[in-house]
Amino acid sequence: MKFATVQEAAKGYYARGFRIVPLFGISPTGGCMCGSPLCKERDWGKHEPPDTDGKWKDGFLFKPDAFASACPNIAIAMGPWKDGRWLVALDLDGTNEVAEFFPAMPPTLTQKSPRGRHLIYTVPEFTPLGNYVDVFKTKRGGYSLDLRYARGRLVVAPSKGATGDYEWIDWRSPTALPNHALAAILAQRRSQKLPVASRWDRGSKEP
């Protein structure tokens, strides 16, 4: 699936029940369109204008007409989606193969990112996951897996990053995350003596 403009993409994602998030883009002259000299290159085109920042975390649904010329990039929120299913993304950096972490993974909604692949799956609502960085501690080896989940979001096509573009390479409805992958993620958390709840809880986090 290819979208010609971010406005077209916003309508397409919204029609499929995704919560859409407007983002600043990359300036034609370089840097982030936010204009802040403090904005680091890794964050160019990946953050929200002040008047929209964080609203989606509490379930606010931006309408496609919220995407003005100042917001040429777009993200979709992970977490609550529809029919009792929540979205979770496997964010692969430095590798195109999810088999580096889990065997026998079914095809799912998949995007090429500037640094790897994004695979979007579903889990039952309130599954006790989180937004985890370098889940299996492989980053020093040149590749890693991050998890994007509730109160997290994923930059998506046709957004442009500082080092490349985002593009869907397998456009389909997200597939259920297999139990063996979920179990491996939670086991890794426990092995590092990190918290694993019995049910996802927002806790004391604010937007």
Protein backbone atom coordinates (compact mmCIF):
# COMPACT_ATOMS: atom_id res chain seq x y z
CA MET A 1 0.00 0.00 0.00
CA LYS A 2 1.30 3.41 -0.98
CA PHE A 3 -0.20 6.72 0.02
CA ALA A 4 0.53 9.77 -2.14
CA THR A 5 0.11 12.29 0.67
CA VAL A 6 -0.08 12.28 4.45
CA GLN A 7 -3.68 13.51 4.17
CA GLU A 8 -4.57 10.46 2.07
CA ALA A 9 -2.76 8.23 4.54
CA ALA A 10 -4.58 9.80 7.49
CA LYS A 11 -7.93 9.01 5.89
CA GLY A 12 -6.86 5.44 5.12
CA TYR A 13 -5.58 4.73 8.62
CA TYR A 14 -8.56 6.40 10.27
CA ALA A 15 -10.98 4.31 8.19
CA ARG A 16 -9.26 1.16 9.49
CA GLY A 17 -9.68 2.17 13.11
CA PHE A 18 -6.13 3.34 13.77
CA ARG A 19 -5.58 6.30 16.06
CA ILE A 20 -3.57 8.74 13.98
CA VAL A 21 -1.04 11.23 15.33
CA PRO A 22 0.19 14.31 13.41
CA LEU A 23 3.96 14.86 13.47
CA PHE A 24 6.41 17.49 12.36
CA GLY A 25 8.35 16.56 9.23
CA ILE A 26 11.84 17.01 7.85
CA SER A 27 12.58 20.53 6.62
CA PRO A 28 13.54 20.85 2.93
CA THR A 29 16.67 22.65 4.11
CA GLY A 30 17.50 19.96 6.67
CA GLY A 31 16.57 19.49 10.29
CA CYS A 32 13.17 19.13 11.88
CA MET A 33 10.27 21.40 10.97
CA CYS A 34 9.78 22.10 14.68
CA GLY A 35 12.61 24.62 14.28
CA SER A 36 14.13 23.94 17.67
CA PRO A 37 17.94 24.01 17.78
CA LEU A 38 17.70 21.47 20.60
CA CYS A 39 15.98 18.86 18.43
CA LYS A 40 18.40 15.97 17.90
CA GLU A 41 18.74 14.33 14.49
CA ARG A 42 17.34 11.03 15.79
CA ASP A 43 14.11 12.91 16.68
CA TRP A 44 13.68 14.87 13.44
CA GLY A 45 10.18 14.34 12.06
CA LYS A 46 9.18 12.11 14.96
CA HIS A 47 7.47 14.40 17.44
CA GLU A 48 4.19 16.28 17.71
CA PRO A 49 3.23 19.95 17.57
CA PRO A 50 2.62 21.40 21.06
CA ASP A 51 -1.15 21.72 20.55
CA THR A 52 -1.53 17.99 19.85
CA ASP A 53 1.20 16.54 22.05
CA GLY A 54 0.03 13.57 24.12
CA LYS A 55 -3.72 13.79 23.52
CA TRP A 56 -3.83 10.47 21.69
CA LYS A 57 -2.47 8.71 24.80
CA ASP A 58 -5.86 9.16 26.45
CA GLY A 59 -7.76 7.84 23.46
CA PHE A 60 -8.34 11.15 21.66
CA LEU A 61 -9.02 10.50 17.98
CA PHE A 62 -7.50 13.03 15.64
CA LYS A 63 -9.53 13.47 12.46
CA PRO A 64 -7.78 13.33 9.09
CA ASP A 65 -8.32 17.07 8.57
CA ALA A 66 -5.94 17.70 11.50
CA PHE A 67 -3.03 17.06 9.14
CA ALA A 68 -1.97 20.44 7.83
CA SER A 69 1.11 21.32 5.79
CA ALA A 70 3.02 21.81 9.05
CA CYS A 71 2.49 18.12 9.84
CA PRO A 72 3.79 16.14 6.84
CA ASN A 73 4.63 13.08 8.93
CA ILE A 74 2.21 10.74 10.66
CA ALA A 75 2.21 8.05 13.36
CA ILE A 76 -0.33 5.51 14.54
CA ALA A 77 -0.89 4.79 18.22
CA MET A 78 -0.26 1.36 19.61
CA GLY A 79 -2.43 -0.10 22.38
CA PRO A 80 -6.25 -0.01 22.16
CA TRP A 81 -7.50 -0.72 18.65
CA LYS A 82 -10.81 -2.55 18.16
CA ASP A 83 -12.78 -5.69 19.03
CA GLY A 84 -10.93 -6.15 22.32
CA ARG A 85 -7.58 -6.23 20.55
CA TRP A 86 -4.59 -4.00 21.22
CA LEU A 87 -1.74 -3.26 18.84
CA VAL A 88 1.89 -4.05 19.60
CA ALA A 89 4.81 -3.39 17.27
CA LEU A 90 8.09 -5.27 17.03
CA ASP A 91 10.58 -2.57 16.04
CA LEU A 92 13.59 -4.27 14.45
CA ASP A 93 16.75 -2.21 14.02
CA GLY A 94 19.75 -3.48 12.10
CA THR A 95 18.02 -6.60 10.85
CA ASN A 96 15.16 -7.45 8.51
CA GLU A 97 14.53 -10.85 10.08
CA VAL A 98 12.22 -11.34 13.04
CA ALA A 99 13.61 -14.89 13.16
CA GLU A 100 16.68 -13.38 14.85
CA PHE A 101 14.44 -13.26 17.94
CA PHE A 102 11.49 -15.62 17.42
CA PRO A 103 11.02 -18.72 15.22
CA ALA A 104 8.01 -19.41 13.03
CA MET A 105 6.36 -15.99 13.13
CA PRO A 106 3.25 -15.58 10.95
CA PRO A 107 3.03 -12.83 8.32
CA THR A 108 1.53 -9.59 9.59
CA LEU A 109 1.26 -5.89 8.81
CA THR A 110 4.88 -4.96 8.05
CA GLN A 111 6.68 -1.75 7.27
CA LYS A 112 10.21 -0.94 6.13
CA SER A 113 11.76 1.72 8.33
CA PRO A 114 14.98 3.69 7.73
CA ARG A 115 16.79 1.35 10.14
CA GLY A 116 14.98 -1.97 9.76
CA ARG A 117 11.43 -3.31 9.95
CA HIS A 118 8.25 -2.71 11.95
CA LEU A 119 5.92 -5.69 12.43
CA ILE A 120 2.52 -4.90 13.93
CA TYR A 121 0.60 -7.61 15.78
CA THR A 122 -2.41 -7.75 18.07
CA VAL A 123 -2.74 -9.01 21.63
CA PRO A 124 -5.78 -9.29 23.91
CA GLU A 125 -6.59 -6.02 25.68
CA PHE A 126 -4.61 -5.32 28.86
CA THR A 127 -1.90 -7.86 27.99
CA PRO A 128 0.95 -6.99 30.40
CA LEU A 129 3.49 -5.54 27.97
CA GLY A 130 5.12 -2.14 27.77
CA ASN A 131 7.34 0.10 25.68
CA TYR A 132 10.63 -1.77 25.99
CA VAL A 133 14.03 -0.84 24.53
CA ASP A 134 16.52 -3.47 23.32
CA VAL A 135 14.42 -6.31 24.74
CA PHE A 136 17.04 -9.03 24.29
CA LYS A 137 20.11 -6.85 24.92
CA THR A 138 21.58 -7.39 21.45
CA LYS A 139 22.24 -3.77 20.49
CA ARG A 140 25.98 -4.09 20.98
CA GLY A 141 25.88 -6.80 18.34
CA GLY A 142 24.50 -4.33 15.80
CA TYR A 143 20.84 -5.28 15.88
CA SER A 144 18.02 -4.97 18.38
CA LEU A 145 14.32 -5.36 19.10
CA ASP A 146 12.25 -2.60 20.71
CA LEU A 147 8.61 -3.01 21.67
CA ARG A 148 5.98 -0.31 21.01
CA TYR A 149 2.78 -0.74 22.97
CA ALA A 150 0.06 1.15 24.85
CA ARG A 151 0.89 4.86 25.20
CA GLY A 152 3.49 4.37 22.50
CA ARG A 153 3.27 5.17 18.81
CA LEU A 154 4.90 4.21 15.54
CA VAL A 155 5.93 6.57 12.73
CA VAL A 156 4.40 5.22 9.52
CA ALA A 157 4.34 5.74 5.75
CA PRO A 158 4.48 8.06 3.92
CA SER A 159 6.58 9.76 6.60
CA LYS A 160 10.18 10.69 5.87
CA GLY A 161 12.96 10.37 8.43
CA ALA A 162 16.40 11.92 8.66
CA THR A 163 18.00 8.80 7.16
CA GLY A 164 15.25 7.43 4.92
CA ASP A 165 11.57 6.86 4.26
CA TYR A 166 8.88 4.59 5.71
CA GLU A 167 7.10 2.18 3.35
CA TRP A 168 4.57 -0.64 3.79
CA ILE A 169 5.89 -3.91 2.41
CA ASP A 170 3.10 -6.23 3.63
CA TRP A 171 -0.24 -4.46 3.83
CA ARG A 172 -2.73 -6.70 5.66
CA SER A 173 -4.72 -6.78 8.88
CA PRO A 174 -2.44 -7.24 11.91
CA THR A 175 -2.07 -10.87 13.02
CA ALA A 176 -2.23 -12.11 16.61
CA LEU A 177 1.16 -12.19 18.32
CA PRO A 178 1.99 -15.88 18.82
CA ASN A 179 2.07 -17.13 22.40
CA HIS A 180 5.68 -18.28 22.11
CA ALA A 181 6.82 -14.74 21.24
CA LEU A 182 4.86 -13.22 24.11
CA ALA A 183 6.24 -15.82 26.52
CA ALA A 184 9.81 -15.16 25.36
CA ILE A 185 9.45 -11.41 25.88
CA LEU A 186 8.05 -11.82 29.39
CA ALA A 187 10.65 -14.45 30.28
CA GLN A 188 13.39 -12.06 29.20
CA ARG A 189 11.94 -9.35 31.43
CA ARG A 190 11.88 -11.72 34.39
CA SER A 191 15.45 -12.87 33.73
CA GLN A 192 16.56 -9.25 34.04
CA LYS A 193 14.54 -8.88 37.25
CA LEU A 194 12.33 -6.29 35.56
CA PRO A 195 8.66 -5.93 36.50
CA VAL A 196 6.02 -8.04 34.78
CA ALA A 197 2.45 -7.27 35.82
CA SER A 198 -0.45 -9.69 35.57
CA ARG A 199 -2.44 -7.03 33.66
CA TRP A 200 -1.48 -3.82 31.88
CA ASP A 201 -2.07 -0.77 34.01
CA ARG A 202 -1.50 2.85 33.15
CA GLY A 203 -0.26 3.46 36.68
CA SER A 204 0.65 7.03 37.51
CA LYS A 205 1.74 8.03 34.00
CA GLU A 206 0.44 11.31 32.66
CA PRO A 207 -0.08 12.27 29.00
